[in-house]
Amino acid sequence: MEKKRSSTLIKRQSIIGMPVIEGRTGKRLGMVRDVYTSGQNSRLEGFYVSNKGWGKKFIGIPFMDATIGYDMILTEGELPENSRFPEDSGGLKNLLNKEVLREDGKQLGQISDILLDPLTGKVEALELSESIFGDLVSGRRILPWQPFERPEDDMLVITMEQADSIFPCDKGIKNIFFNKL
């Protein structure tokens, strides 16, 4: 199977719930329940997939054996029921819902999602949300990925330079209205 992947970024949340299909037979292997990352939390290593049946039967599908499509994930060959996969350090999950502060104390929002490159599996950016009202009016903002100091704390403190690199997502009523003028 030839590997062709989209070069646009994909949100972690949009991967969760995607069906996983074996490319040669068309057999459905299950649905993505979450993703697991490398120790540095900067690269997607694979997918936790729950297969059919009752209980928590999970299989691990390595990222390199899969292709992320628009509405499904294709993989090569069937995987055994007891396939081993590494335990995730919780890196990506631990970043979600963290408050992001600039080093001078200004609140910049909460991390609402993680943007991944489907070609490389690399974490490219974090999506920031101010509030429901702020997201509706101005849209969410994107913080380009950089290694952060002490990401295990309840808050993520970033430098002024990192804060300057935040850019709008071009959504929200205000951005849509002004882009049409």
Protein backbone atom coordinates (compact mmCIF):
# COMPACT_ATOMS: atom_id res chain seq x y z
CA MET A 1 0.00 0.00 0.00
CA GLU A 2 1.48 3.34 -1.03
CA LYS A 3 1.65 5.93 1.76
CA LYS A 4 -0.13 9.13 0.76
CA ARG A 5 -1.00 11.55 3.50
CA SER A 6 -2.44 15.00 3.62
CA SER A 7 -0.04 17.80 4.50
CA THR A 8 -2.59 19.91 6.40
CA LEU A 9 -2.59 19.78 10.17
CA ILE A 10 -5.13 17.61 11.93
CA LYS A 11 -6.54 18.02 15.43
CA ARG A 12 -6.10 15.24 17.97
CA GLN A 13 -9.80 15.46 18.75
CA SER A 14 -10.73 14.76 15.11
CA ILE A 15 -8.69 11.54 15.12
CA ILE A 16 -10.52 10.17 18.16
CA GLY A 17 -13.54 8.16 17.03
CA MET A 18 -12.23 7.51 13.50
CA PRO A 19 -12.74 3.95 12.29
CA VAL A 20 -9.58 1.92 11.63
CA ILE A 21 -9.76 -0.17 8.45
CA GLU A 22 -7.39 -2.89 7.28
CA GLY A 23 -6.44 -1.71 3.79
CA ARG A 24 -6.16 -5.06 2.00
CA THR A 25 -9.41 -6.69 3.12
CA GLY A 26 -11.50 -3.68 4.10
CA LYS A 27 -12.13 -5.23 7.52
CA ARG A 28 -12.92 -2.79 10.31
CA LEU A 29 -10.44 -3.27 13.16
CA GLY A 30 -12.10 -0.85 15.57
CA MET A 31 -12.21 2.83 16.47
CA VAL A 32 -9.48 5.17 17.66
CA ARG A 33 -9.88 5.89 21.38
CA ASP A 34 -6.74 7.99 21.80
CA VAL A 35 -3.21 8.50 20.56
CA TYR A 36 0.11 7.80 22.24
CA THR A 37 3.25 9.86 21.91
CA SER A 38 7.01 9.62 22.29
CA GLY A 39 8.63 10.36 25.62
CA GLN A 40 9.28 13.98 24.65
CA ASN A 41 5.56 14.40 23.81
CA SER A 42 6.46 15.88 20.46
CA ARG A 43 5.71 13.01 18.09
CA LEU A 44 2.72 10.74 17.55
CA GLU A 45 3.80 7.13 17.96
CA GLY A 46 0.52 5.33 17.44
CA PHE A 47 -3.17 4.90 18.14
CA TYR A 48 -5.09 3.15 20.91
CA VAL A 49 -7.86 1.31 19.08
CA SER A 50 -10.79 -0.40 20.78
CA ASN A 51 -11.98 -3.39 18.84
CA LYS A 52 -15.38 -5.04 18.78
CA GLY A 53 -16.96 -6.70 21.78
CA TRP A 54 -17.62 -5.94 25.40
CA GLY A 55 -14.98 -4.82 27.81
CA LYS A 56 -11.88 -2.80 27.21
CA LYS A 57 -10.08 -4.65 24.46
CA PHE A 58 -7.44 -2.30 23.10
CA ILE A 59 -4.92 -2.86 20.36
CA GLY A 60 -2.00 -0.62 19.54
CA ILE A 61 -1.42 0.48 15.99
CA PRO A 62 1.96 2.10 15.34
CA PHE A 63 1.79 5.40 13.45
CA MET A 64 4.26 4.15 10.83
CA ASP A 65 1.88 1.29 9.91
CA ALA A 66 -1.10 3.59 9.39
CA THR A 67 -2.32 6.31 7.06
CA ILE A 68 -4.55 9.07 8.38
CA GLY A 69 -7.34 9.81 5.92
CA TYR A 70 -10.15 12.35 5.99
CA ASP A 71 -12.66 10.02 7.64
CA MET A 72 -10.74 6.86 8.56
CA ILE A 73 -7.35 5.42 9.34
CA LEU A 74 -6.01 2.73 7.02
CA THR A 75 -3.52 0.16 8.22
CA GLU A 76 -1.62 -2.67 6.56
CA GLY A 77 -2.33 -6.21 7.71
CA GLU A 78 -4.41 -7.43 10.61
CA LEU A 79 -3.01 -7.05 14.07
CA PRO A 80 -3.20 -9.81 16.67
CA GLU A 81 -5.73 -9.36 19.47
CA ASN A 82 -2.97 -9.16 22.08
CA SER A 83 -0.69 -6.75 20.20
CA ARG A 84 1.58 -4.90 22.57
CA PHE A 85 1.79 -1.14 22.65
CA PRO A 86 3.70 1.18 24.91
CA GLU A 87 2.06 2.90 27.80
CA ASP A 88 1.60 6.58 27.10
CA SER A 89 3.23 8.95 29.52
CA GLY A 90 0.02 10.98 29.22
CA GLY A 91 1.94 13.80 27.60
CA LEU A 92 -0.69 14.97 25.14
CA LYS A 93 -3.58 14.39 27.50
CA ASN A 94 -1.76 16.25 30.26
CA LEU A 95 -1.46 19.35 28.08
CA LEU A 96 -5.20 19.60 27.44
CA ASN A 97 -7.12 22.18 29.48
CA LYS A 98 -3.96 23.72 30.95
CA GLU A 99 -4.02 27.46 31.49
CA VAL A 100 -1.41 29.24 29.37
CA LEU A 101 0.25 32.29 30.92
CA ARG A 102 2.83 34.69 29.58
CA GLU A 103 5.87 35.08 31.83
CA ASP A 104 4.56 38.47 33.02
CA GLY A 105 1.37 36.78 34.30
CA LYS A 106 -1.06 37.66 31.50
CA GLN A 107 -3.54 34.86 30.85
CA LEU A 108 -3.61 33.77 27.21
CA GLY A 109 -6.23 31.01 27.37
CA GLN A 110 -6.55 27.28 27.84
CA ILE A 111 -5.16 24.53 25.62
CA SER A 112 -8.22 23.08 23.88
CA ASP A 113 -6.58 20.78 21.33
CA ILE A 114 -3.31 19.64 19.81
CA LEU A 115 -2.49 19.99 16.10
CA LEU A 116 -0.50 17.19 14.46
CA ASP A 117 1.15 16.80 11.09
CA PRO A 118 -0.40 13.64 9.58
CA LEU A 119 2.68 13.07 7.39
CA THR A 120 5.26 12.97 10.17
CA GLY A 121 3.19 12.58 13.34
CA LYS A 122 4.95 15.62 14.79
CA VAL A 123 3.09 17.91 17.19
CA GLU A 124 3.07 21.24 15.34
CA ALA A 125 0.92 23.51 17.51
CA LEU A 126 -1.47 23.92 20.41
CA GLU A 127 -4.94 25.40 20.00
CA LEU A 128 -5.81 28.03 22.61
CA SER A 129 -9.30 28.92 23.75
CA GLU A 130 -10.09 32.11 25.68
CA SER A 131 -13.72 31.33 26.54
CA ILE A 132 -16.89 30.28 24.76
CA PHE A 133 -17.75 33.91 24.05
CA GLY A 134 -14.19 34.76 23.00
CA ASP A 135 -14.04 31.74 20.67
CA LEU A 136 -17.36 32.69 19.10
CA VAL A 137 -16.38 36.32 18.52
CA SER A 138 -12.65 36.13 17.77
CA GLY A 139 -11.99 32.44 17.17
CA ARG A 140 -9.35 30.29 18.75
CA ARG A 141 -5.63 31.00 18.49
CA ILE A 142 -2.68 28.81 17.58
CA LEU A 143 0.51 28.54 19.63
CA PRO A 144 3.31 26.95 17.55
CA TRP A 145 4.89 23.96 19.29
CA GLN A 146 8.16 24.46 21.09
CA PRO A 147 9.61 22.48 23.95
CA PHE A 148 8.15 24.00 27.10
CA GLU A 149 9.74 24.14 30.52
CA ARG A 150 7.87 22.22 33.21
CA PRO A 151 4.78 21.23 31.19
CA GLU A 152 3.73 18.97 34.08
CA ASP A 153 2.54 21.92 36.19
CA ASP A 154 -1.10 23.02 36.25
CA MET A 155 -0.21 26.03 34.14
CA LEU A 156 2.01 26.43 31.12
CA VAL A 157 4.15 29.56 31.38
CA ILE A 158 5.57 30.73 28.06
CA THR A 159 8.11 33.40 27.19
CA MET A 160 7.25 36.75 25.59
CA GLU A 161 8.75 35.50 22.31
CA GLN A 162 6.55 32.40 22.37
CA ALA A 163 3.52 34.60 23.12
CA ASP A 164 4.36 36.83 20.15
CA SER A 165 4.26 33.78 17.87
CA ILE A 166 0.57 33.09 18.66
CA PHE A 167 -1.64 33.70 15.63
CA PRO A 168 -5.42 33.69 15.06
CA CYS A 169 -7.20 30.71 13.56
CA ASP A 170 -9.25 33.00 11.23
CA LYS A 171 -12.54 31.78 12.61
CA GLY A 172 -15.04 33.51 14.80
CA ILE A 173 -17.69 36.04 13.83
CA LYS A 174 -15.33 39.02 13.85
CA ASN A 175 -12.71 37.38 11.61
CA ILE A 176 -15.25 35.95 9.18
CA PHE A 177 -17.06 39.30 8.88
CA PHE A 178 -13.89 41.37 8.33
CA ASN A 179 -12.45 38.87 5.83
CA LYS A 180 -15.54 39.29 3.64
CA LEU A 181 -15.16 43.09 3.45
